[in-house]
Amino acid sequence: MNRSLERFALLAGVMILLGSVQFGACLGGGAVALPAALLLSAGITLLWMHFDLPSGRPWLPPLVCAGVVLLSVLLAEFTFRSDFAEWFSFLLAGAGSGVTMFVLLRTRIRCALCNRRMGVQALSFQCPRCHLKVCEETCWSFEHRRCTLCLEQRVPVLPTGEKWWTKAAGPRITYGRCQMCLGSAEQVDLRICPHCRRPQCRECWDFNNGECQRCGKALPDLPESLTMTVTQAAKTHGV
């Protein structure tokens, strides 16, 4: 089933639940219907946001909650003699849902780049290069496993010390070309892949997250932030 269809089916079920319980509350008169509308709308809004149902428009949940409660009151009016106080329950429903929405939106984590608040179930990643937490929608590159800002600025992640490079990929070689950028040994700092023995310059090793372009094997002793990001991305894709 299409994901959007599932979300709207869940939303419809939630609204039917709200209407049914509110209709039952109307049987007890205004003294029961008014607080029920307030509490139910707040609870339904929490459920709405928990399942990350359509909430791009902050006014939508309060409006829907108020509309469903008003429909329940109208149904109660035509079914049995209604209490006059019940007619104000839809206002309390809208207010309860609105306050809940406001609190939830204010407490959501913002993306460090686009400043957009992320949904409850929205994916977010901590960039291994700048360590900022960003949203996956517009500010994270799955292909390069870094935030878009670090991708644009080519921010490095691997150590720059010669000792680390010598241990991870051996000393600099003086022949051949980089298999990625085709830079010669005179132009770039070439290091041999420990697995397939193909040369790759330090800049390309870094851009490729410490992995060989040819065999896909990674250098040993990569920074912890980089290996954690690789694991997180693999779990996201179900690997």
Protein backbone atom coordinates (compact mmCIF):
# COMPACT_ATOMS: atom_id res chain seq x y z
CA MET A 1 0.00 0.00 0.00
CA ASN A 2 1.17 3.52 -0.82
CA ARG A 3 2.74 5.27 2.20
CA SER A 4 0.61 8.41 1.76
CA LEU A 5 -2.55 6.26 1.61
CA GLU A 6 -1.52 4.51 4.83
CA ARG A 7 -0.97 7.87 6.54
CA PHE A 8 -4.36 9.23 5.49
CA ALA A 9 -6.09 5.97 6.48
CA LEU A 10 -4.49 6.24 9.92
CA LEU A 11 -5.53 9.89 10.14
CA ALA A 12 -9.12 8.98 9.24
CA GLY A 13 -9.16 6.29 11.93
CA VAL A 14 -7.85 8.74 14.52
CA MET A 15 -10.54 11.29 13.64
CA ILE A 16 -13.29 8.65 13.76
CA LEU A 17 -12.04 7.68 17.23
CA LEU A 18 -12.19 11.32 18.33
CA GLY A 19 -15.70 11.76 16.96
CA SER A 20 -17.01 8.56 18.53
CA VAL A 21 -15.64 9.31 22.00
CA GLN A 22 -16.84 12.92 21.81
CA PHE A 23 -20.31 11.79 20.81
CA GLY A 24 -20.35 9.50 23.85
CA ALA A 25 -19.22 12.43 26.02
CA CYS A 26 -22.17 14.46 24.77
CA LEU A 27 -24.49 11.92 26.39
CA GLY A 28 -23.28 13.24 29.75
CA GLY A 29 -24.11 16.84 28.87
CA GLY A 30 -21.91 19.93 28.75
CA ALA A 31 -20.15 19.13 32.04
CA VAL A 32 -18.64 16.05 30.40
CA ALA A 33 -18.48 17.17 26.76
CA LEU A 34 -16.43 20.33 27.36
CA PRO A 35 -13.47 18.81 29.26
CA ALA A 36 -13.63 15.73 27.00
CA ALA A 37 -13.21 17.94 23.91
CA LEU A 38 -10.20 19.66 25.46
CA LEU A 39 -8.44 16.46 26.57
CA LEU A 40 -9.31 14.39 23.51
CA SER A 41 -8.10 17.03 21.06
CA ALA A 42 -4.78 17.31 22.92
CA GLY A 43 -4.39 13.51 22.97
CA ILE A 44 -5.32 13.14 19.30
CA THR A 45 -2.82 15.85 18.34
CA LEU A 46 -0.06 14.04 20.26
CA LEU A 47 -0.96 10.86 18.39
CA TRP A 48 -1.05 12.80 15.11
CA MET A 49 2.45 14.16 15.61
CA HIS A 50 3.83 10.85 16.94
CA PHE A 51 2.93 9.06 13.72
CA ASP A 52 4.18 12.05 11.72
CA LEU A 53 0.85 12.44 9.96
CA PRO A 54 0.49 15.41 7.55
CA SER A 55 1.44 18.43 9.67
CA GLY A 56 3.14 20.83 7.27
CA ARG A 57 0.40 23.35 8.10
CA PRO A 58 0.33 23.99 11.87
CA TRP A 59 -3.29 25.16 11.73
CA LEU A 60 -4.50 21.85 10.25
CA PRO A 61 -4.71 19.64 13.40
CA PRO A 62 -6.63 22.26 15.48
CA LEU A 63 -9.00 22.91 12.59
CA VAL A 64 -9.63 19.20 11.98
CA CYS A 65 -10.13 18.50 15.70
CA ALA A 66 -12.58 21.41 16.03
CA GLY A 67 -14.45 20.28 12.90
CA VAL A 68 -14.78 16.67 14.08
CA VAL A 69 -16.01 17.75 17.52
CA LEU A 70 -18.53 20.18 15.95
CA LEU A 71 -19.79 17.35 13.74
CA SER A 72 -20.19 15.17 16.84
CA VAL A 73 -22.19 17.90 18.59
CA LEU A 74 -24.46 18.31 15.55
CA LEU A 75 -25.01 14.56 15.44
CA ALA A 76 -25.83 14.57 19.16
CA GLU A 77 -28.26 17.47 18.61
CA PHE A 78 -30.20 15.54 15.98
CA THR A 79 -30.07 12.29 17.97
CA PHE A 80 -31.23 13.60 21.34
CA ARG A 81 -31.78 16.92 23.06
CA SER A 82 -28.38 18.50 23.43
CA ASP A 83 -27.03 20.69 26.24
CA PHE A 84 -26.38 24.28 25.12
CA ALA A 85 -22.89 24.21 26.68
CA GLU A 86 -21.87 21.45 24.26
CA TRP A 87 -21.85 23.97 21.41
CA PHE A 88 -18.67 25.49 22.87
CA SER A 89 -16.82 22.17 22.95
CA PHE A 90 -15.44 22.58 19.42
CA LEU A 91 -13.76 25.84 20.51
CA LEU A 92 -12.07 24.02 23.39
CA ALA A 93 -11.06 21.23 20.99
CA GLY A 94 -9.41 23.71 18.63
CA ALA A 95 -7.69 25.49 21.52
CA GLY A 96 -6.46 22.26 23.11
CA SER A 97 -5.10 20.97 19.82
CA GLY A 98 -3.53 24.36 19.00
CA VAL A 99 -1.70 24.62 22.32
CA THR A 100 -0.47 21.04 21.98
CA MET A 101 0.77 21.73 18.45
CA PHE A 102 2.55 24.88 19.60
CA VAL A 103 4.36 23.07 22.43
CA LEU A 104 5.35 20.13 20.22
CA LEU A 105 6.67 22.34 17.43
CA ARG A 106 8.63 24.52 19.85
CA THR A 107 10.36 21.49 21.38
CA ARG A 108 11.33 19.85 18.08
CA ILE A 109 15.00 19.76 17.11
CA ARG A 110 15.99 22.15 14.34
CA CYS A 111 18.26 21.24 11.45
CA ALA A 112 21.60 22.98 11.98
CA LEU A 113 21.72 24.09 8.33
CA CYS A 114 18.22 24.91 7.08
CA ASN A 115 16.85 25.65 10.59
CA ARG A 116 13.71 23.65 9.85
CA ARG A 117 12.19 21.74 12.75
CA MET A 118 12.39 18.01 12.17
CA GLY A 119 9.44 15.64 12.58
CA VAL A 120 9.18 13.06 15.33
CA GLN A 121 10.09 10.22 12.97
CA ALA A 122 12.18 12.29 10.56
CA LEU A 123 15.68 11.03 9.79
CA SER A 124 18.59 13.13 10.95
CA PHE A 125 22.33 12.61 10.82
CA GLN A 126 25.31 14.03 12.66
CA CYS A 127 27.89 15.00 10.07
CA PRO A 128 31.24 13.30 10.79
CA ARG A 129 33.11 16.35 9.50
CA CYS A 130 31.45 19.39 11.11
CA HIS A 131 29.49 17.37 13.74
CA LEU A 132 26.29 19.32 13.04
CA LYS A 133 22.96 17.48 13.22
CA VAL A 134 21.10 17.95 9.94
CA CYS A 135 17.89 16.76 8.28
CA GLU A 136 18.03 14.08 5.59
CA GLU A 137 15.57 15.85 3.29
CA THR A 138 17.70 18.74 2.02
CA CYS A 139 20.89 18.94 4.10
CA TRP A 140 22.33 15.43 4.04
CA SER A 141 24.02 13.62 1.14
CA PHE A 142 23.53 9.85 1.41
CA GLU A 143 25.92 9.26 -1.48
CA HIS A 144 28.80 11.15 0.16
CA ARG A 145 27.77 10.53 3.81
CA ARG A 146 28.17 14.12 4.94
CA CYS A 147 26.14 17.31 5.15
CA THR A 148 25.71 19.39 2.01
CA LEU A 149 27.78 22.24 3.45
CA CYS A 150 30.82 20.01 4.03
CA LEU A 151 30.30 18.54 0.56
CA GLU A 152 30.36 21.99 -1.04
CA GLN A 153 33.33 23.19 1.03
CA ARG A 154 35.20 19.84 0.78
CA VAL A 155 35.77 19.82 4.54
CA PRO A 156 38.32 17.08 5.44
CA VAL A 157 37.66 14.30 7.93
CA LEU A 158 40.83 12.17 7.87
CA PRO A 159 43.88 13.06 10.00
CA THR A 160 46.52 15.23 8.35
CA GLY A 161 49.57 13.87 10.18
CA GLU A 162 52.13 11.90 8.18
CA LYS A 163 52.39 9.26 10.92
CA TRP A 164 48.71 8.27 10.53
CA TRP A 165 48.91 8.08 6.75
CA THR A 166 52.09 6.01 6.80
CA LYS A 167 50.45 3.55 9.20
CA ALA A 168 47.15 3.39 7.29
CA ALA A 169 48.36 3.35 3.66
CA GLY A 170 52.12 3.29 3.70
CA PRO A 171 54.56 6.01 2.63
CA ARG A 172 53.96 8.36 -0.27
CA ILE A 173 54.74 6.80 -3.66
CA THR A 174 56.60 8.60 -6.43
CA TYR A 175 55.00 6.99 -9.48
CA GLY A 176 51.58 6.49 -11.06
CA ARG A 177 48.36 8.51 -11.01
CA CYS A 178 45.40 8.79 -8.67
CA GLN A 179 42.60 6.48 -9.82
CA MET A 180 39.99 9.14 -9.03
CA CYS A 181 41.35 12.56 -10.05
CA LEU A 182 44.16 11.24 -12.28
CA GLY A 183 46.67 13.52 -10.58
CA SER A 184 50.29 12.43 -11.07
CA ALA A 185 52.71 11.58 -8.25
CA GLU A 186 54.47 14.91 -8.87
CA GLN A 187 51.23 16.85 -8.35
CA VAL A 188 49.46 15.00 -5.50
CA ASP A 189 50.31 12.90 -2.45
CA LEU A 190 49.65 9.33 -3.66
CA ARG A 191 49.02 6.45 -1.25
CA ILE A 192 48.56 2.78 -2.14
CA CYS A 193 45.38 0.93 -1.17
CA PRO A 194 46.38 -1.80 1.35
CA HIS A 195 43.92 -4.22 -0.32
CA CYS A 196 44.03 -3.81 -4.12
CA ARG A 197 47.30 -1.83 -4.36
CA ARG A 198 45.78 0.88 -6.54
CA PRO A 199 47.01 4.46 -5.92
CA GLN A 200 44.75 7.20 -4.65
CA CYS A 201 45.74 10.70 -3.53
CA ARG A 202 45.13 11.87 0.03
CA GLU A 203 42.48 14.37 -1.07
CA CYS A 204 40.54 11.65 -2.89
CA TRP A 205 40.93 9.22 0.00
CA ASP A 206 39.37 11.88 2.20
CA PHE A 207 36.60 12.77 -0.27
CA ASN A 208 35.73 9.07 -0.56
CA ASN A 209 35.50 8.71 3.25
CA GLY A 210 38.69 6.65 3.46
CA GLU A 211 37.47 4.04 0.98
CA CYS A 212 39.19 2.81 -2.15
CA GLN A 213 37.34 3.76 -5.32
CA ARG A 214 38.26 0.47 -6.98
CA CYS A 215 37.73 -2.25 -4.36
CA GLY A 216 35.52 -0.35 -1.89
CA LYS A 217 37.65 -1.41 1.09
CA ALA A 218 38.31 1.19 3.80
CA LEU A 219 41.58 2.24 5.37
CA PRO A 220 42.21 0.96 8.93
CA ASP A 221 41.76 3.13 12.01
CA LEU A 222 39.31 5.60 10.48
CA PRO A 223 37.97 8.35 12.77
CA GLU A 224 35.18 7.10 15.04
CA SER A 225 32.74 9.76 13.83
CA LEU A 226 33.12 8.48 10.26
CA THR A 227 32.60 4.80 11.10
CA MET A 228 29.54 5.62 13.21
CA THR A 229 28.02 7.53 10.29
CA VAL A 230 28.63 4.58 7.96
CA THR A 231 26.81 2.29 10.41
CA GLN A 232 23.92 4.74 10.77
CA ALA A 233 23.53 5.09 7.00
CA ALA A 234 23.60 1.29 6.57
CA LYS A 235 20.83 0.83 9.15
CA THR A 236 18.76 3.52 7.42
CA HIS A 237 18.95 1.65 4.11
CA GLY A 238 18.30 -1.70 5.80
CA VAL A 239 21.76 -3.13 5.08
